[in-house]
Amino acid sequence: MDYEAIGGDDMIGHTKIKVSALCVNGGIDEWFRISFNGREAGSVRLRSVWRPLIIPTPTNVLIGIGGQVINSVHELERQRAE
C-alpha cells in the first residue's frame, strides 16, 4: 500500500511469503517480486533475524503423569490423586 495524507491509500502490489521461512536458519535476507494486476510491479527486500525464546529449565524438574514437567512435589501429588 502507498500512503496518502489526503484520500485513501492505494494497493501498489502483493507477494506471498511463507511465515515459516522467517524462522529457519536464523532468519532470511531475500528479495521478493511484487505483482499488481497480474504484472510485475517491482520487488521488496525482507530481512529477518530469528532468535528462539529461551525458557530456563528449573533445576528441580520432576516428570509427571503424561510426561509434563512439574516444578513441585505438591503439584505431582495433586495430579496422582486425580
N, C-alpha and C. Protein backbone atom coordinates (compact mmCIF):
# COMPACT_ATOMS: atom_id res chain seq x y z
N MET A 1 0.85 -1.17 0.00
CA MET A 1 0.00 0.00 0.00
C MET A 1 0.90 1.24 0.00
N ASP A 2 0.44 2.24 -0.71
CA ASP A 2 1.14 3.52 -0.60
C ASP A 2 0.44 4.34 0.47
N TYR A 3 1.05 5.41 0.87
CA TYR A 3 0.48 6.25 1.91
C TYR A 3 0.09 7.59 1.30
N GLU A 4 -1.11 8.03 1.58
CA GLU A 4 -1.57 9.33 1.13
C GLU A 4 -2.16 10.08 2.31
N ALA A 5 -1.66 11.30 2.56
CA ALA A 5 -2.16 12.09 3.67
C ALA A 5 -3.62 12.50 3.43
N ILE A 6 -3.96 12.76 2.18
CA ILE A 6 -5.34 13.11 1.83
C ILE A 6 -5.87 12.01 0.92
N GLY A 7 -7.01 11.46 1.25
CA GLY A 7 -7.58 10.37 0.46
C GLY A 7 -7.16 9.03 1.02
N GLY A 8 -7.45 7.99 0.27
CA GLY A 8 -7.16 6.63 0.73
C GLY A 8 -5.84 6.12 0.20
N ASP A 9 -5.29 5.18 0.92
CA ASP A 9 -4.08 4.50 0.47
C ASP A 9 -4.44 3.58 -0.69
N ASP A 10 -3.52 3.37 -1.60
CA ASP A 10 -3.76 2.54 -2.77
C ASP A 10 -2.89 1.30 -2.75
N MET A 11 -3.44 0.20 -3.24
CA MET A 11 -2.67 -1.03 -3.40
C MET A 11 -1.63 -0.81 -4.49
N ILE A 12 -0.38 -1.12 -4.19
CA ILE A 12 0.67 -0.99 -5.21
C ILE A 12 1.25 -2.34 -5.59
N GLY A 13 0.85 -3.40 -4.91
CA GLY A 13 1.33 -4.73 -5.26
C GLY A 13 1.17 -5.70 -4.12
N HIS A 14 1.47 -6.99 -4.43
CA HIS A 14 1.38 -8.03 -3.41
C HIS A 14 2.38 -9.14 -3.74
N THR A 15 2.67 -9.92 -2.73
CA THR A 15 3.54 -11.08 -2.87
C THR A 15 3.14 -12.09 -1.81
N LYS A 16 3.67 -13.27 -1.89
CA LYS A 16 3.42 -14.30 -0.88
C LYS A 16 4.75 -14.70 -0.26
N ILE A 17 4.74 -14.80 1.06
CA ILE A 17 5.93 -15.19 1.82
C ILE A 17 5.49 -16.22 2.85
N LYS A 18 6.18 -17.36 2.88
CA LYS A 18 5.88 -18.36 3.91
C LYS A 18 6.39 -17.84 5.25
N VAL A 19 5.51 -17.78 6.22
CA VAL A 19 5.91 -17.29 7.54
C VAL A 19 6.99 -18.19 8.13
N SER A 20 6.93 -19.47 7.85
CA SER A 20 7.95 -20.39 8.38
C SER A 20 9.35 -20.05 7.87
N ALA A 21 9.44 -19.39 6.71
CA ALA A 21 10.75 -19.01 6.18
C ALA A 21 11.44 -17.97 7.06
N LEU A 22 10.67 -17.24 7.84
CA LEU A 22 11.26 -16.21 8.70
C LEU A 22 12.02 -16.79 9.88
N CYS A 23 11.75 -18.05 10.23
CA CYS A 23 12.33 -18.59 11.46
C CYS A 23 13.24 -19.80 11.22
N VAL A 24 13.75 -19.99 10.02
CA VAL A 24 14.70 -21.07 9.78
C VAL A 24 16.08 -20.49 9.51
N ASN A 25 17.09 -21.23 9.91
CA ASN A 25 18.48 -20.83 9.68
C ASN A 25 18.79 -19.43 10.22
N GLY A 26 18.16 -19.04 11.30
CA GLY A 26 18.46 -17.76 11.91
C GLY A 26 17.78 -16.57 11.26
N GLY A 27 16.95 -16.79 10.24
CA GLY A 27 16.26 -15.70 9.57
C GLY A 27 16.50 -15.72 8.07
N ILE A 28 16.03 -14.70 7.37
CA ILE A 28 16.22 -14.64 5.93
C ILE A 28 16.69 -13.26 5.50
N ASP A 29 17.24 -13.19 4.33
CA ASP A 29 17.61 -11.95 3.67
C ASP A 29 17.38 -12.20 2.18
N GLU A 30 16.17 -11.91 1.72
CA GLU A 30 15.80 -12.25 0.35
C GLU A 30 14.99 -11.13 -0.29
N TRP A 31 15.01 -11.13 -1.62
CA TRP A 31 14.18 -10.24 -2.42
C TRP A 31 12.94 -10.99 -2.88
N PHE A 32 11.79 -10.36 -2.82
CA PHE A 32 10.53 -10.94 -3.26
C PHE A 32 9.93 -10.07 -4.36
N ARG A 33 9.47 -10.70 -5.42
CA ARG A 33 8.84 -9.98 -6.53
C ARG A 33 7.43 -9.55 -6.12
N ILE A 34 7.09 -8.33 -6.47
CA ILE A 34 5.78 -7.77 -6.19
C ILE A 34 4.98 -7.76 -7.49
N SER A 35 3.73 -8.19 -7.42
CA SER A 35 2.85 -8.20 -8.59
C SER A 35 1.67 -7.27 -8.34
N PHE A 36 1.16 -6.71 -9.44
CA PHE A 36 -0.05 -5.89 -9.37
C PHE A 36 -0.83 -6.11 -10.66
N ASN A 37 -2.08 -6.51 -10.51
CA ASN A 37 -2.94 -6.81 -11.66
C ASN A 37 -2.29 -7.81 -12.62
N GLY A 38 -1.63 -8.82 -12.07
CA GLY A 38 -1.04 -9.87 -12.88
C GLY A 38 0.28 -9.51 -13.55
N ARG A 39 0.81 -8.33 -13.26
CA ARG A 39 2.08 -7.90 -13.86
C ARG A 39 3.11 -7.62 -12.78
N GLU A 40 4.37 -7.79 -13.14
CA GLU A 40 5.43 -7.49 -12.20
C GLU A 40 5.44 -5.99 -11.90
N ALA A 41 5.51 -5.67 -10.61
CA ALA A 41 5.46 -4.27 -10.20
C ALA A 41 6.69 -3.85 -9.40
N GLY A 42 7.67 -4.73 -9.32
CA GLY A 42 8.88 -4.40 -8.58
C GLY A 42 9.26 -5.52 -7.64
N SER A 43 10.08 -5.17 -6.66
CA SER A 43 10.50 -6.15 -5.67
C SER A 43 10.73 -5.45 -4.34
N VAL A 44 10.72 -6.26 -3.30
CA VAL A 44 10.94 -5.75 -1.95
C VAL A 44 11.92 -6.69 -1.25
N ARG A 45 12.83 -6.11 -0.49
CA ARG A 45 13.80 -6.91 0.26
C ARG A 45 13.28 -7.07 1.68
N LEU A 46 13.33 -8.31 2.15
CA LEU A 46 12.89 -8.61 3.51
C LEU A 46 14.02 -9.31 4.24
N ARG A 47 14.39 -8.73 5.37
CA ARG A 47 15.40 -9.36 6.22
C ARG A 47 14.77 -9.64 7.58
N SER A 48 15.05 -10.81 8.11
CA SER A 48 14.55 -11.15 9.44
C SER A 48 15.68 -11.83 10.22
N VAL A 49 15.60 -11.70 11.52
CA VAL A 49 16.52 -12.40 12.42
C VAL A 49 15.65 -13.23 13.35
N TRP A 50 15.96 -14.51 13.45
CA TRP A 50 15.20 -15.42 14.30
C TRP A 50 15.99 -15.72 15.54
N ARG A 51 15.42 -15.37 16.68
CA ARG A 51 16.01 -15.70 17.98
C ARG A 51 14.95 -16.43 18.78
N PRO A 52 15.05 -17.76 18.88
CA PRO A 52 14.04 -18.50 19.63
C PRO A 52 14.00 -18.08 21.10
N LEU A 53 12.82 -18.11 21.65
CA LEU A 53 12.65 -17.81 23.05
C LEU A 53 13.30 -18.91 23.88
N ILE A 54 14.16 -18.51 24.78
CA ILE A 54 14.84 -19.49 25.64
C ILE A 54 14.21 -19.41 27.03
N ILE A 55 13.60 -20.50 27.43
CA ILE A 55 12.96 -20.58 28.74
C ILE A 55 13.87 -21.40 29.64
N PRO A 56 14.37 -20.80 30.72
CA PRO A 56 15.25 -21.57 31.60
C PRO A 56 14.53 -22.77 32.22
N THR A 57 15.23 -23.87 32.28
CA THR A 57 14.68 -25.09 32.87
C THR A 57 14.98 -25.09 34.36
N PRO A 58 13.97 -25.28 35.19
CA PRO A 58 14.22 -25.33 36.63
C PRO A 58 15.14 -26.49 36.97
N THR A 59 15.90 -26.32 38.04
CA THR A 59 16.85 -27.37 38.43
C THR A 59 16.16 -28.53 39.14
N ASN A 60 14.95 -28.31 39.68
CA ASN A 60 14.26 -29.38 40.40
C ASN A 60 13.09 -29.93 39.60
N VAL A 61 13.32 -30.21 38.34
CA VAL A 61 12.26 -30.68 37.45
C VAL A 61 11.87 -32.10 37.80
N LEU A 62 10.56 -32.33 37.86
CA LEU A 62 10.01 -33.67 38.03
C LEU A 62 9.15 -33.97 36.82
N ILE A 63 9.17 -35.18 36.34
CA ILE A 63 8.33 -35.57 35.21
C ILE A 63 7.09 -36.24 35.76
N GLY A 64 5.93 -35.66 35.44
CA GLY A 64 4.67 -36.16 35.98
C GLY A 64 3.95 -37.08 35.01
N ILE A 65 2.70 -37.33 35.32
CA ILE A 65 1.85 -38.19 34.52
C ILE A 65 1.71 -37.57 33.13
N GLY A 66 1.91 -38.36 32.11
CA GLY A 66 1.80 -37.87 30.74
C GLY A 66 3.05 -37.16 30.25
N GLY A 67 4.11 -37.13 31.05
CA GLY A 67 5.37 -36.54 30.62
C GLY A 67 5.47 -35.05 30.82
N GLN A 68 4.52 -34.40 31.50
CA GLN A 68 4.62 -32.97 31.72
C GLN A 68 5.70 -32.67 32.76
N VAL A 69 6.34 -31.53 32.60
CA VAL A 69 7.32 -31.09 33.59
C VAL A 69 6.56 -30.45 34.74
N ILE A 70 6.85 -30.90 35.93
CA ILE A 70 6.19 -30.39 37.14
C ILE A 70 7.26 -29.85 38.06
N ASN A 71 7.03 -28.65 38.58
CA ASN A 71 8.05 -27.99 39.38
C ASN A 71 7.88 -28.17 40.89
N SER A 72 6.88 -28.91 41.32
CA SER A 72 6.74 -29.10 42.76
C SER A 72 6.18 -30.48 43.06
N VAL A 73 6.57 -31.00 44.20
CA VAL A 73 6.08 -32.29 44.65
C VAL A 73 4.58 -32.17 44.93
N HIS A 74 4.15 -31.04 45.45
CA HIS A 74 2.74 -30.82 45.76
C HIS A 74 1.89 -30.97 44.50
N GLU A 75 2.32 -30.38 43.39
CA GLU A 75 1.58 -30.49 42.13
C GLU A 75 1.56 -31.94 41.64
N LEU A 76 2.67 -32.65 41.78
CA LEU A 76 2.73 -34.06 41.37
C LEU A 76 1.74 -34.89 42.19
N GLU A 77 1.68 -34.66 43.50
CA GLU A 77 0.76 -35.39 44.35
C GLU A 77 -0.69 -35.08 43.99
N ARG A 78 -0.98 -33.84 43.66
CA ARG A 78 -2.34 -33.44 43.28
C ARG A 78 -2.75 -34.17 41.99
N GLN A 79 -1.85 -34.29 41.03
CA GLN A 79 -2.16 -34.98 39.79
C GLN A 79 -2.38 -36.47 40.03
N ARG A 80 -1.61 -37.09 40.89
CA ARG A 80 -1.77 -38.51 41.17
C ARG A 80 -3.11 -38.77 41.85
N ALA A 81 -3.57 -37.83 42.69
CA ALA A 81 -4.84 -38.00 43.40
C ALA A 81 -6.03 -37.94 42.44
N GLU A 82 -5.87 -37.23 41.32
CA GLU A 82 -6.96 -37.10 40.35
C GLU A 82 -7.07 -38.38 39.62
